[in-house]
């Protein structure tokens, strides 16, 4: 595909930077003892002649692979797991951590306070795969120690989405307690589906109502993480292209660049007021074509979503 072409990626980097986007978060996968879909990062982005102008970090997308992406499968077959994502603490330490460290050493890997940023998509799944709370904690301590061994000040861990709600064996309850137990620096969400999924399924949401629910999530997470939360802005949600033509799944309607820009402005002001440390905003997404959530230009709005980013983050209200 085009994403593993360094010339194509150099154009995408230039377009992103012109829009005020300065960090790419790459989904990173590991199944059956090996990496999956690394070429876009390794062959496209990191070999692009201008790659060092753009920062990057990894989000370990540790979800099972099922038939969701096969649009020819009927609903029951889509749910069958093809590759489980569970990784033991031993495999994490022996196989994944060395690969992470090599990425962390890249001069344009994003760092906060001298710590390479690393994120996990499904934290409860990581804990379960590692073998429980104590094993997961020890695995993350090992990652932090290896970062220090490599000359960094440790690892800056961000969790995307659910923190697990508590650590039973340690007697902890609440998100802040979980963050302290695992030395998690901050939380964010992958998109606005987090804590709004039930509403999408039953309420036929439009973008305005979806955004109102998302802001409630920002405030709830700010309180429960003591300010260590970064807001997300999502462009849309519609993954019907993954299903057979006679199947229609719940989606969000009414997204457009004007409404997206309004959400960006509110996220920017919210982050300036509420975030501890860096004022980060994550955006879903650069190229999630099959989820109806992408910044890249298309035939409907052209460069509308990228222009919205430029107007907000280049301070042109």
C-alpha atoms as a PDB file:
ATOM      1  CA  UNK A   1       0.000   0.000   0.000  1.00  0.00           C
ATOM      2  CA  UNK A   2       0.918   3.660  -0.259  1.00  0.00           C
ATOM      3  CA  UNK A   3       1.624   4.014   3.468  1.00  0.00           C
ATOM      4  CA  UNK A   4       4.798   1.944   3.159  1.00  0.00           C
ATOM      5  CA  UNK A   5       6.111   4.182   0.344  1.00  0.00           C
ATOM      6  CA  UNK A   6       8.564   6.748   1.767  1.00  0.00           C
ATOM      7  CA  UNK A   7       7.837   9.238  -1.010  1.00  0.00           C
ATOM      8  CA  UNK A   8       4.113   9.089  -0.352  1.00  0.00           C
ATOM      9  CA  UNK A   9       4.709   9.342   3.394  1.00  0.00           C
ATOM     10  CA  UNK A  10       6.892  12.410   2.908  1.00  0.00           C
ATOM     11  CA  UNK A  11       3.887  14.118   1.315  1.00  0.00           C
ATOM     12  CA  UNK A  12       1.649  13.058   4.174  1.00  0.00           C
ATOM     13  CA  UNK A  13       4.155  14.355   6.728  1.00  0.00           C
ATOM     14  CA  UNK A  14       4.268  17.729   4.987  1.00  0.00           C
ATOM     15  CA  UNK A  15       0.462  17.909   4.880  1.00  0.00           C
ATOM     16  CA  UNK A  16       0.166  17.057   8.564  1.00  0.00           C
ATOM     17  CA  UNK A  17       2.779  19.566   9.671  1.00  0.00           C
ATOM     18  CA  UNK A  18       1.155  22.307   7.602  1.00  0.00           C
ATOM     19  CA  UNK A  19      -2.065  21.584   9.507  1.00  0.00           C
ATOM     20  CA  UNK A  20      -0.394  21.958  12.905  1.00  0.00           C
ATOM     21  CA  UNK A  21      -0.149  18.219  13.596  1.00  0.00           C
ATOM     22  CA  UNK A  22       3.254  17.393  15.032  1.00  0.00           C
ATOM     23  CA  UNK A  23       3.051  13.800  16.309  1.00  0.00           C
ATOM     24  CA  UNK A  24       1.896  10.625  14.559  1.00  0.00           C
ATOM     25  CA  UNK A  25       0.695   7.815  16.835  1.00  0.00           C
ATOM     26  CA  UNK A  26       1.288   4.516  15.064  1.00  0.00           C
ATOM     27  CA  UNK A  27      -0.884   1.512  15.866  1.00  0.00           C
ATOM     28  CA  UNK A  28       1.533  -1.336  16.578  1.00  0.00           C
ATOM     29  CA  UNK A  29       0.517  -4.998  16.541  1.00  0.00           C
ATOM     30  CA  UNK A  30       1.972  -8.275  17.792  1.00  0.00           C
ATOM     31  CA  UNK A  31       0.423 -11.679  17.071  1.00  0.00           C
ATOM     32  CA  UNK A  32       1.670 -15.261  17.230  1.00  0.00           C
ATOM     33  CA  UNK A  33       5.145 -14.251  18.331  1.00  0.00           C
ATOM     34  CA  UNK A  34       5.801 -11.678  15.637  1.00  0.00           C
ATOM     35  CA  UNK A  35       4.990  -8.076  14.661  1.00  0.00           C
ATOM     36  CA  UNK A  36       2.167  -7.326  12.253  1.00  0.00           C
ATOM     37  CA  UNK A  37       1.697  -4.384   9.847  1.00  0.00           C
ATOM     38  CA  UNK A  38       5.004  -2.709  10.719  1.00  0.00           C
ATOM     39  CA  UNK A  39       5.845  -1.760   7.121  1.00  0.00           C
ATOM     40  CA  UNK A  40       3.977   1.535   7.159  1.00  0.00           C
ATOM     41  CA  UNK A  41       6.157   2.665  10.074  1.00  0.00           C
ATOM     42  CA  UNK A  42       9.434   0.976   9.179  1.00  0.00           C
ATOM     43  CA  UNK A  43       9.467   1.339   5.387  1.00  0.00           C
ATOM     44  CA  UNK A  44       7.175   4.314   4.894  1.00  0.00           C
ATOM     45  CA  UNK A  45       7.462   6.806   7.714  1.00  0.00           C
ATOM     46  CA  UNK A  46      10.962   6.087   9.033  1.00  0.00           C
ATOM     47  CA  UNK A  47      12.464   6.022   5.538  1.00  0.00           C
ATOM     48  CA  UNK A  48      10.730   9.184   4.381  1.00  0.00           C
ATOM     49  CA  UNK A  49      13.385  11.836   3.674  1.00  0.00           C
ATOM     50  CA  UNK A  50      11.610  14.338   5.948  1.00  0.00           C
ATOM     51  CA  UNK A  51      10.616  11.925   8.722  1.00  0.00           C
ATOM     52  CA  UNK A  52      12.641  13.650  11.425  1.00  0.00           C
ATOM     53  CA  UNK A  53      10.457  16.742  11.087  1.00  0.00           C
ATOM     54  CA  UNK A  54       7.569  14.722  12.549  1.00  0.00           C
ATOM     55  CA  UNK A  55       7.526  13.129  16.003  1.00  0.00           C
ATOM     56  CA  UNK A  56       6.004   9.680  16.514  1.00  0.00           C
ATOM     57  CA  UNK A  57       5.229   7.115  19.173  1.00  0.00           C
ATOM     58  CA  UNK A  58       3.580   3.705  19.388  1.00  0.00           C
ATOM     59  CA  UNK A  59       0.184   2.617  20.603  1.00  0.00           C
ATOM     60  CA  UNK A  60       0.291  -1.131  21.163  1.00  0.00           C
ATOM     61  CA  UNK A  61      -3.067  -2.131  19.675  1.00  0.00           C
ATOM     62  CA  UNK A  62      -3.417  -5.303  21.734  1.00  0.00           C
ATOM     63  CA  UNK A  63      -6.824  -6.447  20.540  1.00  0.00           C
ATOM     64  CA  UNK A  64      -7.703  -9.838  19.092  1.00  0.00           C
ATOM     65  CA  UNK A  65      -7.994 -10.180  15.329  1.00  0.00           C
ATOM     66  CA  UNK A  66     -11.372 -11.425  14.179  1.00  0.00           C
ATOM     67  CA  UNK A  67     -13.291 -11.170  10.922  1.00  0.00           C
ATOM     68  CA  UNK A  68     -14.319  -7.541  11.341  1.00  0.00           C
ATOM     69  CA  UNK A  69     -12.224  -6.297   8.410  1.00  0.00           C
ATOM     70  CA  UNK A  70     -13.558  -8.919   5.985  1.00  0.00           C
ATOM     71  CA  UNK A  71     -16.581  -7.229   4.427  1.00  0.00           C
ATOM     72  CA  UNK A  72     -17.657 -10.508   2.797  1.00  0.00           C
ATOM     73  CA  UNK A  73     -18.361 -12.287   6.093  1.00  0.00           C
ATOM     74  CA  UNK A  74     -21.816 -12.338   7.709  1.00  0.00           C
ATOM     75  CA  UNK A  75     -22.141 -11.064  11.290  1.00  0.00           C
ATOM     76  CA  UNK A  76     -21.765 -14.364  13.230  1.00  0.00           C
ATOM     77  CA  UNK A  77     -18.533 -15.274  11.438  1.00  0.00           C
ATOM     78  CA  UNK A  78     -17.005 -11.849  12.025  1.00  0.00           C
ATOM     79  CA  UNK A  79     -16.820 -12.508  15.745  1.00  0.00           C
ATOM     80  CA  UNK A  80     -14.609 -15.589  15.485  1.00  0.00           C
ATOM     81  CA  UNK A  81     -11.113 -14.882  16.797  1.00  0.00           C
ATOM     82  CA  UNK A  82      -8.382 -15.556  14.245  1.00  0.00           C
ATOM     83  CA  UNK A  83      -5.345 -14.366  16.223  1.00  0.00           C
ATOM     84  CA  UNK A  84      -5.529 -13.750  19.981  1.00  0.00           C
ATOM     85  CA  UNK A  85      -3.553 -10.752  21.187  1.00  0.00           C
ATOM     86  CA  UNK A  86      -2.646 -11.957  24.683  1.00  0.00           C
ATOM     87  CA  UNK A  87       1.056 -11.651  25.498  1.00  0.00           C
ATOM     88  CA  UNK A  88       2.615 -13.140  28.620  1.00  0.00           C
ATOM     89  CA  UNK A  89       4.845 -11.069  30.867  1.00  0.00           C
ATOM     90  CA  UNK A  90       7.789 -13.177  29.740  1.00  0.00           C
ATOM     91  CA  UNK A  91       7.103 -12.574  26.046  1.00  0.00           C
ATOM     92  CA  UNK A  92       6.534  -8.892  26.710  1.00  0.00           C
ATOM     93  CA  UNK A  93       9.926  -8.571  28.358  1.00  0.00           C
ATOM     94  CA  UNK A  94      11.898 -10.823  26.029  1.00  0.00           C
ATOM     95  CA  UNK A  95      10.390  -9.957  22.648  1.00  0.00           C
ATOM     96  CA  UNK A  96       8.416  -6.731  22.749  1.00  0.00           C
ATOM     97  CA  UNK A  97      10.496  -4.512  25.022  1.00  0.00           C
ATOM     98  CA  UNK A  98      13.690  -4.774  22.906  1.00  0.00           C
ATOM     99  CA  UNK A  99      11.712  -3.719  19.820  1.00  0.00           C
ATOM    100  CA  UNK A 100      10.173  -0.815  21.693  1.00  0.00           C
ATOM    101  CA  UNK A 101      13.580   0.380  22.875  1.00  0.00           C
ATOM    102  CA  UNK A 102      14.890   0.472  19.299  1.00  0.00           C
ATOM    103  CA  UNK A 103      12.002   2.726  18.318  1.00  0.00           C
ATOM    104  CA  UNK A 104      12.540   4.877  21.409  1.00  0.00           C
ATOM    105  CA  UNK A 105      16.117   5.510  20.288  1.00  0.00           C
ATOM    106  CA  UNK A 106      15.003   7.182  17.064  1.00  0.00           C
ATOM    107  CA  UNK A 107      15.826  10.892  17.230  1.00  0.00           C
ATOM    108  CA  UNK A 108      12.238  11.865  16.392  1.00  0.00           C
ATOM    109  CA  UNK A 109      10.546   9.539  18.851  1.00  0.00           C
ATOM    110  CA  UNK A 110       8.264  11.672  20.996  1.00  0.00           C
ATOM    111  CA  UNK A 111       9.454  12.168  24.578  1.00  0.00           C
ATOM    112  CA  UNK A 112       8.040  13.956  27.600  1.00  0.00           C
ATOM    113  CA  UNK A 113      10.365  14.959  30.448  1.00  0.00           C
ATOM    114  CA  UNK A 114      13.149  12.866  28.927  1.00  0.00           C
ATOM    115  CA  UNK A 115      10.927   9.770  28.784  1.00  0.00           C
ATOM    116  CA  UNK A 116       9.866   8.070  25.535  1.00  0.00           C
ATOM    117  CA  UNK A 117       6.083   8.025  25.238  1.00  0.00           C
ATOM    118  CA  UNK A 118       4.490   4.598  24.905  1.00  0.00           C
ATOM    119  CA  UNK A 119       0.816   3.719  24.972  1.00  0.00           C
ATOM    120  CA  UNK A 120      -1.371   0.652  25.399  1.00  0.00           C
ATOM    121  CA  UNK A 121      -4.791   0.380  23.791  1.00  0.00           C
ATOM    122  CA  UNK A 122      -6.506  -2.190  26.008  1.00  0.00           C
ATOM    123  CA  UNK A 123      -4.901  -2.072  29.415  1.00  0.00           C
ATOM    124  CA  UNK A 124      -7.115  -4.699  31.128  1.00  0.00           C
ATOM    125  CA  UNK A 125      -6.239  -7.114  28.294  1.00  0.00           C
ATOM    126  CA  UNK A 126      -2.544  -6.425  28.882  1.00  0.00           C
ATOM    127  CA  UNK A 127      -2.929  -7.183  32.590  1.00  0.00           C
ATOM    128  CA  UNK A 128      -4.811 -10.422  31.876  1.00  0.00           C
ATOM    129  CA  UNK A 129      -2.315 -11.587  29.261  1.00  0.00           C
ATOM    130  CA  UNK A 130       0.643 -10.801  31.509  1.00  0.00           C
ATOM    131  CA  UNK A 131      -0.780 -13.106  34.164  1.00  0.00           C
ATOM    132  CA  UNK A 132      -2.430 -10.688  36.563  1.00  0.00           C
ATOM    133  CA  UNK A 133      -1.766  -7.436  38.386  1.00  0.00           C
ATOM    134  CA  UNK A 134       1.571  -8.289  39.978  1.00  0.00           C
ATOM    135  CA  UNK A 135       3.018  -9.754  36.769  1.00  0.00           C
ATOM    136  CA  UNK A 136       1.804  -6.795  34.696  1.00  0.00           C
ATOM    137  CA  UNK A 137       3.273  -4.329  37.186  1.00  0.00           C
ATOM    138  CA  UNK A 138       6.621  -6.134  37.108  1.00  0.00           C
ATOM    139  CA  UNK A 139       6.597  -6.175  33.294  1.00  0.00           C
ATOM    140  CA  UNK A 140       6.062  -2.431  33.150  1.00  0.00           C
ATOM    141  CA  UNK A 141       8.761  -1.885  35.754  1.00  0.00           C
ATOM    142  CA  UNK A 142      11.076  -3.891  33.508  1.00  0.00           C
ATOM    143  CA  UNK A 143      10.188  -1.651  30.534  1.00  0.00           C
ATOM    144  CA  UNK A 144      10.919   1.416  32.652  1.00  0.00           C
ATOM    145  CA  UNK A 145      14.249  -0.039  33.802  1.00  0.00           C
ATOM    146  CA  UNK A 146      15.256  -0.882  30.233  1.00  0.00           C
ATOM    147  CA  UNK A 147      14.462   2.670  29.193  1.00  0.00           C
ATOM    148  CA  UNK A 148      16.768   3.943  31.918  1.00  0.00           C
ATOM    149  CA  UNK A 149      19.420   1.443  30.831  1.00  0.00           C
ATOM    150  CA  UNK A 150      19.156   2.936  27.331  1.00  0.00           C
ATOM    151  CA  UNK A 151      19.848   6.412  28.680  1.00  0.00           C
ATOM    152  CA  UNK A 152      16.313   7.755  29.154  1.00  0.00           C
ATOM    153  CA  UNK A 153      14.652   8.849  32.385  1.00  0.00           C
ATOM    154  CA  UNK A 154      12.146   6.004  32.234  1.00  0.00           C
ATOM    155  CA  UNK A 155       9.005   5.442  30.179  1.00  0.00           C
ATOM    156  CA  UNK A 156       6.025   7.813  29.870  1.00  0.00           C
ATOM    157  CA  UNK A 157       3.080   5.420  29.739  1.00  0.00           C
ATOM    158  CA  UNK A 158      -0.281   6.558  28.367  1.00  0.00           C
ATOM    159  CA  UNK A 159      -3.314   4.278  28.490  1.00  0.00           C
ATOM    160  CA  UNK A 160      -5.937   4.616  25.767  1.00  0.00           C
ATOM    161  CA  UNK A 161      -9.358   4.000  27.245  1.00  0.00           C
ATOM    162  CA  UNK A 162     -10.245   1.793  30.185  1.00  0.00           C
ATOM    163  CA  UNK A 163      -7.770   1.454  33.035  1.00  0.00           C
ATOM    164  CA  UNK A 164      -9.507  -1.582  34.455  1.00  0.00           C
ATOM    165  CA  UNK A 165     -11.420   0.081  37.272  1.00  0.00           C
ATOM    166  CA  UNK A 166      -9.201  -1.263  40.059  1.00  0.00           C
ATOM    167  CA  UNK A 167      -6.529  -3.686  41.148  1.00  0.00           C
ATOM    168  CA  UNK A 168      -8.221  -6.375  43.217  1.00  0.00           C
ATOM    169  CA  UNK A 169      -5.161  -7.990  44.714  1.00  0.00           C
ATOM    170  CA  UNK A 170      -3.791  -4.648  45.866  1.00  0.00           C
ATOM    171  CA  UNK A 171      -7.099  -3.500  47.247  1.00  0.00           C
ATOM    172  CA  UNK A 172      -7.216  -0.475  44.984  1.00  0.00           C
ATOM    173  CA  UNK A 173     -10.279   1.184  43.522  1.00  0.00           C
ATOM    174  CA  UNK A 174     -10.593   3.994  41.017  1.00  0.00           C
ATOM    175  CA  UNK A 175      -8.586   5.127  38.022  1.00  0.00           C
ATOM    176  CA  UNK A 176      -6.076   7.298  39.892  1.00  0.00           C
ATOM    177  CA  UNK A 177      -5.161   4.421  42.199  1.00  0.00           C
ATOM    178  CA  UNK A 178      -4.651   2.135  39.210  1.00  0.00           C
ATOM    179  CA  UNK A 179      -2.424   4.738  37.545  1.00  0.00           C
ATOM    180  CA  UNK A 180      -0.297   5.046  40.654  1.00  0.00           C
ATOM    181  CA  UNK A 181       0.023   1.275  41.040  1.00  0.00           C
ATOM    182  CA  UNK A 182       1.313   0.780  37.488  1.00  0.00           C
ATOM    183  CA  UNK A 183       3.124   4.144  37.200  1.00  0.00           C
ATOM    184  CA  UNK A 184       0.838   5.238  34.357  1.00  0.00           C
ATOM    185  CA  UNK A 185       1.570   8.855  33.470  1.00  0.00           C
ATOM    186  CA  UNK A 186      -1.683   9.770  31.749  1.00  0.00           C
ATOM    187  CA  UNK A 187      -4.829   8.530  30.069  1.00  0.00           C
ATOM    188  CA  UNK A 188      -6.668   9.463  26.900  1.00  0.00           C
ATOM    189  CA  UNK A 189      -9.199   7.787  24.635  1.00  0.00           C
ATOM    190  CA  UNK A 190      -8.813   6.326  21.158  1.00  0.00           C
ATOM    191  CA  UNK A 191     -12.024   7.983  19.983  1.00  0.00           C
ATOM    192  CA  UNK A 192     -15.351   9.234  21.308  1.00  0.00           C
ATOM    193  CA  UNK A 193     -16.802   5.723  21.371  1.00  0.00           C
ATOM    194  CA  UNK A 194     -15.347   5.340  24.861  1.00  0.00           C
ATOM    195  CA  UNK A 195     -18.213   5.603  27.380  1.00  0.00           C
ATOM    196  CA  UNK A 196     -20.635   6.521  24.555  1.00  0.00           C
ATOM    197  CA  UNK A 197     -20.855   3.174  22.742  1.00  0.00           C
ATOM    198  CA  UNK A 198     -24.200   2.261  24.286  1.00  0.00           C
ATOM    199  CA  UNK A 199     -25.610   5.611  23.146  1.00  0.00           C
ATOM    200  CA  UNK A 200     -24.393   5.032  19.595  1.00  0.00           C
ATOM    201  CA  UNK A 201     -26.059   1.643  19.543  1.00  0.00           C
ATOM    202  CA  UNK A 202     -29.480   2.789  20.747  1.00  0.00           C
ATOM    203  CA  UNK A 203     -29.843   6.521  20.094  1.00  0.00           C
ATOM    204  CA  UNK A 204     -28.831   7.116  16.443  1.00  0.00           C
ATOM    205  CA  UNK A 205     -26.502   9.902  17.526  1.00  0.00           C
ATOM    206  CA  UNK A 206     -25.644  12.937  15.481  1.00  0.00           C
ATOM    207  CA  UNK A 207     -22.248  14.618  15.794  1.00  0.00           C
ATOM    208  CA  UNK A 208     -23.427  17.427  18.102  1.00  0.00           C
ATOM    209  CA  UNK A 209     -24.930  15.066  20.653  1.00  0.00           C
ATOM    210  CA  UNK A 210     -21.912  12.768  20.418  1.00  0.00           C
ATOM    211  CA  UNK A 211     -19.592  15.664  21.170  1.00  0.00           C
ATOM    212  CA  UNK A 212     -21.684  16.680  24.168  1.00  0.00           C
ATOM    213  CA  UNK A 213     -21.316  13.160  25.554  1.00  0.00           C
ATOM    214  CA  UNK A 214     -17.576  13.206  24.832  1.00  0.00           C
ATOM    215  CA  UNK A 215     -17.128  16.399  26.840  1.00  0.00           C
ATOM    216  CA  UNK A 216     -18.797  14.690  29.770  1.00  0.00           C
ATOM    217  CA  UNK A 217     -16.174  11.950  29.449  1.00  0.00           C
ATOM    218  CA  UNK A 218     -13.364  14.532  29.445  1.00  0.00           C
ATOM    219  CA  UNK A 219     -14.621  16.004  32.708  1.00  0.00           C
ATOM    220  CA  UNK A 220     -15.206  12.629  34.336  1.00  0.00           C
ATOM    221  CA  UNK A 221     -11.727  11.417  33.362  1.00  0.00           C
ATOM    222  CA  UNK A 222     -10.100  14.678  34.460  1.00  0.00           C
ATOM    223  CA  UNK A 223     -11.601  14.231  37.903  1.00  0.00           C
ATOM    224  CA  UNK A 224     -10.806  10.538  38.204  1.00  0.00           C
ATOM    225  CA  UNK A 225      -7.207  10.883  36.954  1.00  0.00           C
ATOM    226  CA  UNK A 226      -6.505  14.086  38.916  1.00  0.00           C
ATOM    227  CA  UNK A 227      -5.902  16.030  35.717  1.00  0.00           C
ATOM    228  CA  UNK A 228      -3.675  13.476  34.020  1.00  0.00           C
ATOM    229  CA  UNK A 229      -6.013  13.113  31.045  1.00  0.00           C
ATOM    230  CA  UNK A 230      -5.651  14.286  27.441  1.00  0.00           C
ATOM    231  CA  UNK A 231      -8.829  15.024  25.468  1.00  0.00           C
ATOM    232  CA  UNK A 232      -9.548  13.353  22.146  1.00  0.00           C
ATOM    233  CA  UNK A 233     -11.358  14.819  19.166  1.00  0.00           C
ATOM    234  CA  UNK A 234     -12.966  12.346  16.772  1.00  0.00           C
ATOM    235  CA  UNK A 235     -13.956  13.115  13.192  1.00  0.00           C
ATOM    236  CA  UNK A 236     -16.742  10.564  12.877  1.00  0.00           C
ATOM    237  CA  UNK A 237     -17.881   6.991  13.281  1.00  0.00           C
ATOM    238  CA  UNK A 238     -19.282   4.809  10.501  1.00  0.00           C
ATOM    239  CA  UNK A 239     -17.788   1.383   9.858  1.00  0.00           C
ATOM    240  CA  UNK A 240     -20.536   0.046   7.591  1.00  0.00           C
ATOM    241  CA  UNK A 241     -18.022  -0.455   4.796  1.00  0.00           C
ATOM    242  CA  UNK A 242     -16.795  -3.475   6.793  1.00  0.00           C
ATOM    243  CA  UNK A 243     -20.143  -5.239   6.513  1.00  0.00           C
ATOM    244  CA  UNK A 244     -22.241  -6.886   3.830  1.00  0.00           C
ATOM    245  CA  UNK A 245     -24.432  -4.472   1.834  1.00  0.00           C
ATOM    246  CA  UNK A 246     -27.616  -5.774   3.470  1.00  0.00           C
ATOM    247  CA  UNK A 247     -26.250  -5.090   6.981  1.00  0.00           C
ATOM    248  CA  UNK A 248     -26.424  -1.660   8.579  1.00  0.00           C
ATOM    249  CA  UNK A 249     -24.683  -1.034  11.877  1.00  0.00           C
ATOM    250  CA  UNK A 250     -25.002   1.882  14.275  1.00  0.00           C
ATOM    251  CA  UNK A 251     -23.115   4.986  13.243  1.00  0.00           C
ATOM    252  CA  UNK A 252     -22.908   8.710  13.934  1.00  0.00           C
ATOM    253  CA  UNK A 253     -24.281  11.195  11.411  1.00  0.00           C
ATOM    254  CA  UNK A 254     -23.682  14.856  10.686  1.00  0.00           C
ATOM    255  CA  UNK A 255     -19.910  15.185  10.881  1.00  0.00           C
ATOM    256  CA  UNK A 256     -18.362  17.962   8.803  1.00  0.00           C
ATOM    257  CA  UNK A 257     -15.253  20.195   8.959  1.00  0.00           C
ATOM    258  CA  UNK A 258     -17.137  23.092  10.561  1.00  0.00           C
ATOM    259  CA  UNK A 259     -18.363  20.996  13.472  1.00  0.00           C
ATOM    260  CA  UNK A 260     -14.987  19.310  13.771  1.00  0.00           C
ATOM    261  CA  UNK A 261     -13.279  22.696  14.004  1.00  0.00           C
ATOM    262  CA  UNK A 262     -15.660  23.741  16.781  1.00  0.00           C
ATOM    263  CA  UNK A 263     -14.764  20.572  18.680  1.00  0.00           C
ATOM    264  CA  UNK A 264     -11.053  21.247  18.199  1.00  0.00           C
ATOM    265  CA  UNK A 265     -11.417  24.759  19.577  1.00  0.00           C
ATOM    266  CA  UNK A 266     -13.174  23.489  22.688  1.00  0.00           C
ATOM    267  CA  UNK A 267     -10.589  20.721  23.136  1.00  0.00           C
ATOM    268  CA  UNK A 268      -7.754  23.229  22.841  1.00  0.00           C
ATOM    269  CA  UNK A 269      -9.276  25.525  25.466  1.00  0.00           C
ATOM    270  CA  UNK A 270     -10.123  22.564  27.721  1.00  0.00           C
ATOM    271  CA  UNK A 271      -6.573  21.211  27.525  1.00  0.00           C
ATOM    272  CA  UNK A 272      -5.053  24.597  28.331  1.00  0.00           C
ATOM    273  CA  UNK A 273      -7.268  24.849  31.395  1.00  0.00           C
ATOM    274  CA  UNK A 274      -7.336  21.279  32.689  1.00  0.00           C
ATOM    275  CA  UNK A 275      -4.319  19.208  31.607  1.00  0.00           C
ATOM    276  CA  UNK A 276      -1.411  18.766  33.949  1.00  0.00           C
ATOM    277  CA  UNK A 277       1.946  18.900  32.195  1.00  0.00           C
ATOM    278  CA  UNK A 278       1.805  18.841  28.380  1.00  0.00           C
ATOM    279  CA  UNK A 279      -1.359  20.114  26.723  1.00  0.00           C
ATOM    280  CA  UNK A 280      -1.898  17.205  24.378  1.00  0.00           C
ATOM    281  CA  UNK A 281      -4.894  16.556  22.144  1.00  0.00           C
ATOM    282  CA  UNK A 282      -5.272  13.285  20.284  1.00  0.00           C
ATOM    283  CA  UNK A 283      -7.253  13.154  17.045  1.00  0.00           C
ATOM    284  CA  UNK A 284      -8.930  10.102  15.576  1.00  0.00           C
ATOM    285  CA  UNK A 285      -7.691   9.639  13.007  1.00  0.00           C
ATOM    286  CA  UNK A 286      -5.238  10.263  10.192  1.00  0.00           C
ATOM    287  CA  UNK A 287      -6.455   7.448   7.920  1.00  0.00           C
ATOM    288  CA  UNK A 288      -9.174   5.299   9.513  1.00  0.00           C
ATOM    289  CA  UNK A 289     -11.047   5.085   6.215  1.00  0.00           C
ATOM    290  CA  UNK A 290     -13.241   2.129   7.184  1.00  0.00           C
ATOM    291  CA  UNK A 291     -14.366   3.813  10.400  1.00  0.00           C
ATOM    292  CA  UNK A 292     -15.392   7.060   8.725  1.00  0.00           C
ATOM    293  CA  UNK A 293     -12.827   8.989  10.776  1.00  0.00           C
ATOM    294  CA  UNK A 294      -9.904  10.417   8.841  1.00  0.00           C
ATOM    295  CA  UNK A 295      -8.105  13.723   8.333  1.00  0.00           C
ATOM    296  CA  UNK A 296      -6.703  12.905   4.914  1.00  0.00           C
ATOM    297  CA  UNK A 297      -8.406  14.693   1.996  1.00  0.00           C
ATOM    298  CA  UNK A 298     -11.300  13.018   0.202  1.00  0.00           C
ATOM    299  CA  UNK A 299     -13.725  13.782  -2.608  1.00  0.00           C
ATOM    300  CA  UNK A 300     -16.444  15.089  -0.273  1.00  0.00           C
ATOM    301  CA  UNK A 301     -14.656  17.743   1.772  1.00  0.00           C
ATOM    302  CA  UNK A 302     -11.249  17.948   0.120  1.00  0.00           C
ATOM    303  CA  UNK A 303      -8.774  19.362   2.639  1.00  0.00           C
ATOM    304  CA  UNK A 304     -11.574  20.575   4.909  1.00  0.00           C
ATOM    305  CA  UNK A 305     -10.597  18.606   8.016  1.00  0.00           C
ATOM    306  CA  UNK A 306      -6.897  19.392   7.654  1.00  0.00           C
ATOM    307  CA  UNK A 307      -7.717  23.058   7.103  1.00  0.00           C
ATOM    308  CA  UNK A 308      -9.768  22.997  10.303  1.00  0.00           C
ATOM    309  CA  UNK A 309      -6.707  21.752  12.195  1.00  0.00           C
ATOM    310  CA  UNK A 310      -4.543  24.462  10.629  1.00  0.00           C
ATOM    311  CA  UNK A 311      -7.005  27.200  11.573  1.00  0.00           C
ATOM    312  CA  UNK A 312      -7.148  26.036  15.195  1.00  0.00           C
ATOM    313  CA  UNK A 313      -3.571  25.007  15.914  1.00  0.00           C
ATOM    314  CA  UNK A 314      -2.011  27.804  13.896  1.00  0.00           C
ATOM    315  CA  UNK A 315      -4.141  30.192  15.992  1.00  0.00           C
ATOM    316  CA  UNK A 316      -6.421  31.337  13.180  1.00  0.00           C
ATOM    317  CA  UNK A 317      -9.842  31.185  14.789  1.00  0.00           C
END
